[in-house]
């Protein structure tokens, strides 16, 4: 017995996507960028939690994904986020030399450098950032994320005007 597949509409605060059979197909265009961030659970994610407890504000279009270490971020995750509608993505972890997994952030640096080179071939290099934030640097986390958000928003608005 064949049952027709009906499209399901997934609504989030920033994105409207039409999902059919598990594939993301359409999304509405909005002026506020959506950024996906992959944050190391020992440093960067703790900094984001501290920023929240200190009532520091950063743009609501920034969505964080907690990972055990920045080196656990597969470049395919970043590519998938961009191709599914995110305007930008960042990977953030412990400062080099301070990784809880010894050399994790050195591996991250190499992976992201290669990914940026690939993105540059498609003129998408500005959509990806890598930065280091320790657990005590809530203000730095907010500054980095807000700066990235504003850069992407400015670029997006310029494209819409053209």
Protein backbone atom coordinates (compact mmCIF):
# COMPACT_ATOMS: atom_id res chain seq x y z
CA UNK A 1 0.00 0.00 0.00
CA UNK A 2 1.51 3.33 -1.09
CA UNK A 3 1.10 6.19 1.32
CA UNK A 4 1.76 9.62 -0.20
CA UNK A 5 4.51 11.60 1.46
CA UNK A 6 3.22 14.97 2.55
CA UNK A 7 5.66 17.82 2.99
CA UNK A 8 6.22 18.87 6.57
CA UNK A 9 6.93 22.49 7.39
CA UNK A 10 9.52 23.09 10.09
CA UNK A 11 9.32 26.54 11.68
CA UNK A 12 12.08 28.07 13.74
CA UNK A 13 12.42 31.65 14.90
CA UNK A 14 14.51 32.58 11.86
CA UNK A 15 14.00 30.03 9.15
CA UNK A 16 11.05 28.46 7.41
CA UNK A 17 12.04 25.29 5.64
CA UNK A 18 10.01 22.92 3.56
CA UNK A 19 11.02 19.41 4.34
CA UNK A 20 10.06 16.56 2.04
CA UNK A 21 11.38 13.08 2.58
CA UNK A 22 14.13 14.34 4.91
CA UNK A 23 15.66 16.82 2.42
CA UNK A 24 15.70 20.53 3.08
CA UNK A 25 14.28 22.22 0.01
CA UNK A 26 13.21 25.84 0.51
CA UNK A 27 13.72 28.57 3.02
CA UNK A 28 12.57 32.12 3.31
CA UNK A 29 14.99 34.97 2.97
CA UNK A 30 15.33 37.24 5.96
CA UNK A 31 17.53 40.14 6.82
CA UNK A 32 18.92 38.64 10.02
CA UNK A 33 21.71 36.16 9.43
CA UNK A 34 21.70 32.71 10.93
CA UNK A 35 25.08 31.50 12.19
CA UNK A 36 25.87 28.00 13.40
CA UNK A 37 28.67 27.76 15.93
CA UNK A 38 30.50 24.63 17.00
CA UNK A 39 31.77 25.26 20.52
CA UNK A 40 34.22 23.22 22.59
CA UNK A 41 32.42 22.10 25.75
CA UNK A 42 35.38 22.82 28.04
CA UNK A 43 36.10 26.40 27.00
CA UNK A 44 33.98 28.17 24.42
CA UNK A 45 30.65 26.69 25.47
CA UNK A 46 31.44 27.55 29.10
CA UNK A 47 32.24 31.11 27.98
CA UNK A 48 28.83 31.31 26.27
CA UNK A 49 27.17 30.08 29.47
CA UNK A 50 29.08 32.66 31.50
CA UNK A 51 28.03 35.37 29.04
CA UNK A 52 24.43 34.35 29.62
CA UNK A 53 24.76 34.35 33.39
CA UNK A 54 26.42 37.79 33.23
CA UNK A 55 23.47 38.97 31.11
CA UNK A 56 25.70 39.82 28.15
CA UNK A 57 23.78 39.89 24.92
CA UNK A 58 24.76 38.42 21.59
CA UNK A 59 22.59 38.11 18.46
CA UNK A 60 19.78 35.59 18.60
CA UNK A 61 20.63 34.35 15.11
CA UNK A 62 23.65 32.56 16.58
CA UNK A 63 22.97 28.89 17.30
CA UNK A 64 25.57 26.97 19.30
CA UNK A 65 26.29 23.28 19.04
CA UNK A 66 28.29 21.86 21.92
CA UNK A 67 31.05 19.44 20.93
CA UNK A 68 33.49 17.65 23.28
CA UNK A 69 36.48 19.23 21.52
CA UNK A 70 36.82 21.54 18.53
CA UNK A 71 38.78 18.76 16.80
CA UNK A 72 35.63 16.63 16.78
CA UNK A 73 34.00 19.00 14.28
CA UNK A 74 34.00 17.24 10.95
CA UNK A 75 34.26 19.68 8.02
CA UNK A 76 31.16 17.95 6.62
CA UNK A 77 29.16 19.38 9.57
CA UNK A 78 30.18 22.91 8.59
CA UNK A 79 29.41 22.31 4.92
CA UNK A 80 26.01 20.83 5.80
CA UNK A 81 25.16 23.85 7.98
CA UNK A 82 26.03 26.28 5.16
CA UNK A 83 24.18 24.31 2.48
CA UNK A 84 21.08 23.97 4.67
CA UNK A 85 20.73 27.73 4.93
CA UNK A 86 23.10 29.06 7.57
CA UNK A 87 24.66 32.35 6.50
CA UNK A 88 27.86 31.54 8.36
CA UNK A 89 29.53 29.07 10.65
CA UNK A 90 32.29 29.18 13.20
CA UNK A 91 34.36 26.69 15.11
CA UNK A 92 35.66 27.83 18.47
CA UNK A 93 37.76 26.04 21.03
CA UNK A 94 40.41 26.29 23.70
CA UNK A 95 43.49 28.41 23.07
CA UNK A 96 46.35 26.48 21.40
CA UNK A 97 48.30 24.69 24.10
CA UNK A 98 45.36 24.72 26.54
CA UNK A 99 43.26 21.99 24.95
CA UNK A 100 41.87 19.48 27.43
CA UNK A 101 42.56 16.81 24.82
CA UNK A 102 46.22 17.85 24.48
CA UNK A 103 46.53 18.55 20.72
CA UNK A 104 42.89 18.85 19.66
CA UNK A 105 42.98 22.48 18.65
CA UNK A 106 46.09 21.95 16.52
CA UNK A 107 44.13 19.39 14.50
CA UNK A 108 41.24 21.85 14.33
CA UNK A 109 43.48 24.59 12.98
CA UNK A 110 44.62 22.34 10.12
CA UNK A 111 41.12 21.10 9.28
CA UNK A 112 39.62 24.60 9.22
CA UNK A 113 42.53 25.99 7.16
CA UNK A 114 41.88 23.30 4.53
CA UNK A 115 38.14 23.95 4.66
CA UNK A 116 38.67 27.71 4.27
CA UNK A 117 40.83 27.05 1.23
CA UNK A 118 38.04 24.97 -0.28
CA UNK A 119 35.46 27.67 0.57
CA UNK A 120 37.75 30.26 -1.04
CA UNK A 121 37.53 28.35 -4.32
CA UNK A 122 33.76 28.95 -4.21
CA UNK A 123 34.05 32.57 -2.97
CA UNK A 124 32.58 31.57 0.40
CA UNK A 125 35.65 32.06 2.61
CA UNK A 126 33.98 34.82 4.64
CA UNK A 127 31.27 32.39 5.79
CA UNK A 128 33.66 30.47 8.04
CA UNK A 129 35.62 31.63 11.08
CA UNK A 130 37.85 29.95 13.61
CA UNK A 131 38.62 31.48 16.96
CA UNK A 132 39.88 30.53 20.39
CA UNK A 133 38.01 31.45 23.56
CA UNK A 134 38.75 30.19 27.06
CA UNK A 135 36.05 29.58 29.67
CA UNK A 136 36.93 32.86 31.43
CA UNK A 137 36.55 34.99 28.28
CA UNK A 138 32.81 35.59 28.08
CA UNK A 139 33.31 39.14 26.81
CA UNK A 140 35.68 37.93 24.06
CA UNK A 141 33.12 35.30 23.02
CA UNK A 142 30.37 37.91 22.73
CA UNK A 143 32.66 40.27 20.78
CA UNK A 144 33.78 37.60 18.29
CA UNK A 145 30.26 36.31 17.68
CA UNK A 146 28.75 39.79 17.41
CA UNK A 147 31.49 40.95 15.00
CA UNK A 148 30.91 37.92 12.77
CA UNK A 149 27.15 38.46 12.88
CA UNK A 150 27.49 42.15 11.93
CA UNK A 151 29.91 41.39 9.07
CA UNK A 152 27.56 38.79 7.60
CA UNK A 153 24.51 41.02 8.07
CA UNK A 154 26.25 43.92 6.31
CA UNK A 155 27.32 41.70 3.40
CA UNK A 156 23.85 40.19 3.15
CA UNK A 157 22.16 43.60 3.07
CA UNK A 158 24.59 44.82 0.38
CA UNK A 159 23.74 41.81 -1.77
CA UNK A 160 20.01 42.46 -1.40
CA UNK A 161 20.44 46.09 -2.50
CA UNK A 162 22.39 45.08 -5.61
